[in-house]
Protein backbone atom coordinates (compact mmCIF):
# COMPACT_ATOMS: atom_id res chain seq x y z
CA MET A 1 -101.02 135.38 22.49
CA TRP A 2 -98.50 133.11 23.38
CA SER A 3 -97.36 133.53 27.12
CA SER A 4 -101.10 132.70 28.42
CA ILE A 5 -101.45 129.70 26.33
CA ASP A 6 -98.13 128.92 28.55
CA THR A 7 -99.86 129.38 30.86
CA GLN A 8 -102.10 126.99 30.06
CA ILE A 9 -99.63 124.25 29.22
CA SER A 10 -97.65 124.51 32.00
CA GLN A 11 -101.16 124.05 34.22
CA ALA A 12 -102.10 121.51 32.28
CA ILE A 13 -99.28 119.07 32.73
CA ALA A 14 -97.91 120.30 36.19
CA GLN A 15 -94.28 121.95 35.26
CA PRO A 16 -92.96 125.27 33.99
CA PHE A 17 -93.67 125.49 30.07
CA GLU A 18 -92.40 128.77 28.29
CA SER A 19 -92.16 129.00 24.84
CA ARG A 20 -88.80 129.81 23.44
CA ASP A 21 -88.85 128.16 19.89
CA ARG A 22 -92.59 128.92 18.15
CA ARG A 23 -92.55 127.64 14.68
CA ALA A 24 -94.51 127.62 11.56
CA VAL A 25 -95.69 123.96 10.58
CA GLY A 26 -98.33 122.62 8.15
CA GLY A 27 -101.51 123.14 9.87
CA GLY A 28 -104.10 121.89 7.49
CA CYS A 29 -106.25 123.96 4.91
CA ILE A 30 -108.23 124.33 7.94
CA ASN A 31 -106.01 126.12 11.01
CA GLN A 32 -102.66 127.31 11.88
CA GLY A 33 -100.24 124.45 13.18
CA TYR A 34 -97.04 125.92 15.75
CA ARG A 35 -94.55 123.16 16.59
CA VAL A 36 -93.82 125.01 20.29
CA SER A 37 -90.35 124.30 22.10
CA ASP A 38 -88.84 125.11 25.52
CA GLY A 39 -85.66 123.31 24.27
CA ASP A 40 -87.15 120.24 26.81
CA ARG A 41 -90.46 119.21 25.63
CA THR A 42 -92.67 120.51 22.97
CA PHE A 43 -96.40 120.79 21.46
CA PHE A 44 -98.03 120.96 18.41
CA ILE A 45 -100.43 123.78 18.30
CA LYS A 46 -103.81 124.67 15.98
CA LEU A 47 -104.94 128.38 15.99
CA ASN A 48 -108.45 129.47 15.06
CA ARG A 49 -110.46 132.41 15.61
CA ALA A 50 -112.03 132.96 18.94
CA ASP A 51 -115.51 130.88 17.82
CA GLN A 52 -114.13 128.19 16.14
CA LEU A 53 -113.52 127.25 19.93
CA ALA A 54 -115.78 124.02 19.86
CA MET A 55 -113.97 122.65 16.72
CA PHE A 56 -111.42 122.57 18.99
CA GLU A 57 -112.75 120.46 22.00
CA ALA A 58 -114.85 118.24 19.63
CA GLU A 59 -111.70 117.33 18.16
CA ALA A 60 -109.96 116.82 21.97
CA LEU A 61 -112.50 114.72 22.88
CA GLY A 62 -112.15 112.97 19.38
CA LEU A 63 -108.64 111.98 20.25
CA GLN A 64 -109.21 110.64 23.52
CA HIS A 65 -112.21 108.65 22.53
CA LEU A 66 -109.81 107.01 19.85
CA ARG A 67 -106.28 107.15 22.57
CA GLU A 68 -108.64 104.88 24.82
CA ALA A 69 -109.36 102.39 22.96
CA ASN A 70 -105.27 101.32 23.44
CA ALA A 71 -106.15 100.31 19.10
CA ILE A 72 -103.57 102.81 17.65
CA LEU A 73 -101.75 106.10 18.16
CA VAL A 74 -103.00 109.30 18.13
CA PRO A 75 -101.39 112.54 20.15
CA GLN A 76 -102.52 113.05 23.20
CA PRO A 77 -104.86 116.97 23.17
CA ILE A 78 -103.39 118.48 26.41
CA CYS A 79 -105.52 121.91 26.70
CA TRP A 80 -107.61 123.86 24.36
CA GLY A 81 -108.62 127.42 25.04
CA VAL A 82 -109.13 130.88 23.60
CA ALA A 83 -106.03 133.84 24.23
CA GLU A 84 -106.58 137.16 22.79
CA ASP A 85 -108.81 136.50 19.75
CA SER A 86 -107.39 132.57 18.98
CA SER A 87 -109.07 129.69 19.87
CA TYR A 88 -105.79 126.81 20.77
CA LEU A 89 -105.96 123.27 20.97
CA VAL A 90 -102.64 122.57 22.17
CA GLN A 91 -101.80 118.86 21.67
CA THR A 92 -98.12 116.03 22.23
CA TRP A 93 -95.75 116.61 19.21
CA LEU A 94 -95.23 113.59 17.54
CA GLU A 95 -91.51 113.39 15.26
CA LEU A 96 -93.21 111.65 11.25
CA GLY A 97 -91.00 109.62 9.02
CA GLN A 98 -90.71 107.95 6.50
CA ALA A 99 -93.59 104.65 5.88
CA SER A 100 -92.34 101.92 5.28
CA SER A 101 -94.18 98.51 3.35
CA PRO A 102 -94.90 97.16 6.76
CA ALA A 103 -95.50 100.15 8.98
CA TRP A 104 -98.43 100.79 6.47
CA GLU A 105 -99.55 97.07 7.06
CA GLU A 106 -99.42 97.67 10.43
CA MET A 107 -101.31 100.81 10.29
CA GLY A 108 -103.83 98.33 8.07
CA ARG A 109 -103.88 96.51 11.53
CA GLN A 110 -104.26 98.40 13.78
CA LEU A 111 -107.39 100.12 12.22
CA GLY A 112 -108.63 97.28 12.42
CA ARG A 113 -108.96 96.93 15.85
CA LEU A 114 -109.85 100.51 16.34
CA HIS A 115 -112.78 99.25 14.10
CA HIS A 116 -113.81 96.19 16.43
CA VAL A 117 -114.51 98.85 19.47
CA GLN A 118 -118.07 98.59 18.75
CA LYS A 119 -119.85 99.65 22.59
CA ALA A 120 -122.43 102.14 21.44
CA THR A 121 -126.45 100.77 20.60
CA ALA A 122 -126.91 103.14 17.74
CA PHE A 123 -125.10 105.96 15.15
CA GLY A 124 -123.98 109.45 16.41
CA TRP A 125 -121.34 110.96 18.70
CA GLU A 126 -122.32 112.12 22.17
CA ARG A 127 -122.32 115.41 20.73
CA ASN A 128 -122.04 117.29 17.05
CA ASN A 129 -118.92 117.65 15.91
CA THR A 130 -116.55 119.51 12.08
CA ILE A 131 -115.51 118.30 9.18
CA GLY A 132 -112.74 120.29 8.06
CA SER A 133 -115.22 124.08 9.34
CA THR A 134 -117.90 122.00 8.21
CA PRO A 135 -120.92 121.41 11.04
CA GLN A 136 -121.11 117.37 11.33
CA HIS A 137 -124.17 116.44 13.32
CA ASN A 138 -124.45 113.50 14.94
CA PRO A 139 -127.76 113.03 16.52
CA TRP A 140 -128.30 109.12 18.64
CA THR A 141 -129.66 107.25 15.67
CA LEU A 142 -130.30 103.73 15.53
CA SER A 143 -131.08 102.51 11.92
CA TRP A 144 -127.10 103.42 9.86
CA SER A 145 -129.59 104.31 6.67
CA GLU A 146 -131.70 106.87 8.26
CA PHE A 147 -128.61 108.45 9.93
CA PHE A 148 -126.17 108.87 6.67
CA THR A 149 -129.41 109.73 4.26
CA HIS A 150 -130.16 112.25 6.62
CA HIS A 151 -126.54 113.63 8.61
CA ARG A 152 -124.48 113.10 6.44
CA ILE A 153 -125.34 113.02 3.09
CA GLY A 154 -128.83 114.77 3.52
CA TYR A 155 -127.23 117.82 4.78
CA GLN A 156 -123.96 118.16 2.86
CA LEU A 157 -125.92 118.53 -0.25
CA GLN A 158 -128.44 121.41 1.50
CA LEU A 159 -125.33 123.19 2.39
CA ALA A 160 -124.61 123.47 -1.34
CA GLN A 161 -127.65 123.76 -2.98
CA GLN A 162 -127.67 127.22 -0.45
CA ARG A 163 -123.92 127.72 -1.83
CA GLY A 164 -125.41 127.76 -5.28
CA GLY A 165 -125.11 123.96 -6.33
CA ARG A 166 -127.24 122.48 -8.77
CA PHE A 167 -127.87 118.57 -8.54
CA PRO A 168 -130.78 117.74 -10.61
CA ASN A 169 -130.98 113.78 -8.81
CA CYS A 170 -130.47 114.68 -5.35
CA ASP A 171 -134.37 113.97 -4.49
CA ARG A 172 -134.21 110.68 -6.42
CA LEU A 173 -130.08 109.27 -4.36
CA LEU A 174 -131.57 110.40 -0.96
CA ALA A 175 -134.92 108.01 -1.28
CA ALA A 176 -131.90 105.17 -2.84
CA VAL A 177 -129.86 105.28 0.49
CA PRO A 178 -131.91 103.15 2.26
CA GLU A 179 -131.56 100.71 -1.61
CA LEU A 180 -128.26 101.08 -1.62
CA LEU A 181 -128.05 100.77 2.08
CA ALA A 182 -130.35 96.94 1.85
CA GLY A 183 -128.69 94.55 3.34
CA HIS A 184 -125.85 95.91 4.85
CA ALA A 185 -126.81 95.92 8.66
CA PRO A 186 -123.50 97.34 10.15
CA LYS A 187 -122.64 97.73 14.54
CA PRO A 188 -121.75 100.82 15.20
CA SER A 189 -117.88 100.82 15.19
CA LEU A 190 -115.80 103.55 16.19
CA VAL A 191 -114.33 106.00 14.04
CA HIS A 192 -111.60 108.63 12.67
CA GLY A 193 -114.35 109.53 10.25
CA ASP A 194 -111.91 111.89 8.48
CA LEU A 195 -109.52 109.59 7.48
CA TRP A 196 -107.39 110.61 4.53
CA SER A 197 -104.04 110.65 3.06
CA GLY A 198 -102.92 113.55 5.13
CA ASN A 199 -103.92 112.86 7.87
CA ALA A 200 -102.47 109.97 8.71
CA ALA A 201 -98.81 108.60 8.79
CA VAL A 202 -95.70 107.27 10.30
CA THR A 203 -94.01 108.20 13.43
CA THR A 204 -90.05 108.45 13.28
CA SER A 205 -89.86 105.64 14.89
CA GLY A 206 -91.94 103.53 12.50
CA GLN A 207 -94.82 103.26 14.30
CA PRO A 208 -98.70 104.15 12.48
CA VAL A 209 -100.60 107.64 13.91
CA ILE A 210 -103.72 109.25 13.20
CA PHE A 211 -105.01 112.85 13.52
CA ASP A 212 -107.39 114.98 13.12
CA PRO A 213 -110.22 113.60 13.74
CA ALA A 214 -114.08 113.85 12.80
CA THR A 215 -115.57 110.71 15.39
CA TYR A 216 -118.46 108.83 15.73
CA TRP A 217 -119.74 106.05 15.67
CA GLY A 218 -120.07 104.72 12.78
CA ASP A 219 -120.40 102.54 10.34
CA ARG A 220 -116.13 100.99 9.89
CA GLU A 221 -116.72 101.46 6.28
CA VAL A 222 -116.35 104.72 5.74
CA ASP A 223 -112.60 104.98 7.14
CA LEU A 224 -112.30 103.06 4.44
CA ALA A 225 -114.02 104.50 1.80
CA MET A 226 -112.34 107.76 2.30
CA THR A 227 -109.02 106.05 2.40
CA GLU A 228 -109.23 105.69 -1.67
CA LEU A 229 -110.40 109.24 -1.10
CA PHE A 230 -107.28 111.90 -2.76
CA GLY A 231 -104.74 109.73 -3.22
CA GLY A 232 -105.34 106.19 -1.23
CA PHE A 233 -103.10 104.42 0.41
CA PRO A 234 -100.45 101.61 -0.11
CA PRO A 235 -101.59 98.37 -1.29
CA ALA A 236 -100.02 97.05 2.34
CA PHE A 237 -103.09 98.87 4.05
CA TYR A 238 -104.97 97.18 2.81
CA GLN A 239 -103.42 94.29 2.78
CA GLY A 240 -102.96 94.37 6.88
CA TYR A 241 -106.77 95.69 7.24
CA ASN A 242 -107.84 92.64 6.03
CA ALA A 243 -105.94 90.19 7.57
CA VAL A 244 -108.16 91.58 11.14
CA PHE A 245 -111.54 92.90 9.25
CA PRO A 246 -112.47 91.89 5.74
CA VAL A 247 -114.41 94.06 4.15
CA ASN A 248 -118.51 93.01 3.26
CA THR A 249 -120.36 91.80 -0.09
CA GLY A 250 -120.62 95.20 -1.58
CA TYR A 251 -118.20 97.68 0.33
CA SER A 252 -117.81 98.84 -3.64
CA GLN A 253 -120.85 99.96 -4.33
CA ARG A 254 -121.21 101.62 -0.83
CA LYS A 255 -117.88 103.71 -0.49
CA VAL A 256 -119.10 105.32 -3.64
CA LEU A 257 -121.83 106.89 -1.09
CA TYR A 258 -119.29 107.04 1.15
CA ASN A 259 -117.20 108.97 -0.08
CA LEU A 260 -120.19 111.88 -2.02
CA TYR A 261 -120.01 112.66 1.86
CA HIS A 262 -116.07 113.85 1.62
CA VAL A 263 -116.30 115.45 -2.06
CA LEU A 264 -119.71 117.67 -1.22
CA ASN A 265 -117.96 118.64 2.01
CA HIS A 266 -115.42 119.75 -0.57
CA PHE A 267 -116.85 121.99 -2.59
CA ASN A 268 -119.00 122.89 -0.01
CA LEU A 269 -115.53 124.22 1.19
CA PHE A 270 -113.57 125.08 -1.37
CA GLY A 271 -115.99 125.24 -4.42
CA GLY A 272 -114.59 124.57 -7.57
CA GLY A 273 -114.68 120.99 -9.72
CA TYR A 274 -115.86 118.74 -6.90
CA ALA A 275 -119.77 120.13 -8.03
CA ALA A 276 -119.01 118.21 -10.75
CA GLN A 277 -117.19 115.51 -9.47
CA ALA A 278 -120.22 114.91 -7.04
CA ASP A 279 -122.81 114.65 -9.76
CA ARG A 280 -121.40 112.12 -11.66
CA MET A 281 -120.69 109.83 -8.17
CA ILE A 282 -125.11 110.43 -8.07
CA GLY A 283 -124.84 109.08 -11.51
CA GLN A 284 -122.90 106.27 -10.92
CA LEU A 285 -124.55 106.18 -7.73
CA LEU A 286 -128.49 105.79 -9.64
CA LEU A 287 -127.16 103.50 -12.29
CA ASN A 288 -127.54 101.15 -9.00
CA VAL A 289 -130.32 101.41 -8.31
CA ARG A 290 -133.44 98.76 -9.96
CA SER A 291 -136.23 101.24 -9.02
CA MET A 292 -135.63 104.61 -9.16
C-alpha cells in the first residue's frame, strides 16, 4: 500500500518520493492519520476503507476551494486514490504549535474574510460531501430556510429515526424553521462547515489554520455557531471576527438551530447522550416560536 501511495505522491509533486519514516498521528475518530517523510519532505495521509474514496475526493475539492479564497491557511491536497483495500488523501504536513491570544484574534479576522467570499447565487455546493462520515447533501437551493430545513435538519432527523432516536417534537420543529429564520436573509458564503475546536489550530510560525472541512455555500453563521460547540474558541477569536464581519441580530437564537444539526449528527455517528441534548435543543427552539 505504502509503495503505491509513494508512487502517486511522486507523480503529483513531479519528484521522486519514498517514505522512510511513517508515524501514526491523530486522524480523528473517522479516519486513520499518518505522518510520512522521506527525510526532506513530509506529508499527512488520511486512510479509510476503499469504498470511502468519494469522501476524500470531496474533502480535497473543499480544501482547494478554501485555498482559492486566499483568506486563511488550509492544508494543500496533494493526491488521493485507492491503494489495496484503503482509500487515502495526501495533504501537506503543517507543524502545529501553541496558539496565543493574538493568533486567535487573527484567526477570527481571517475567517471573517473567508465568509466575505460570496460568489454563489444559491445555497449548496457542486457535489455532495460528508459531515464526519455522514452524507451531507448539497443541492443548489435558492432559499436558505428551505435548504436548512430539508438538507440539514430534516435529513439528520430522518437518519436519527432510522437509528432509533425518538424526538416527539421533530415535526413541529421542521414546520417552525421558516419562522425561526424569518427576517434573516443571508448571502451564500463559503463556509468550512465543520468548524469545531478540533479542526482549527495555529502553526509553529503563528499562522492560523483550519482543516477537515465539510465545505459548501451557506449562512456564514453556521461556522460561527459551531465554534461555540464542544468547548468553544477563546474570546479573542470572536473579537477578531466581529471586527471584520459583525454578527447580525438574532444570531443567538439561530446558533441553537445551526448547532442542532451537529448534535443530531453526533447522535447518528456515536449515539449516547446526544439524543437527550438534541431533544433539549428542540424544546428550546420551540419556545421561541409564536405560532406553533
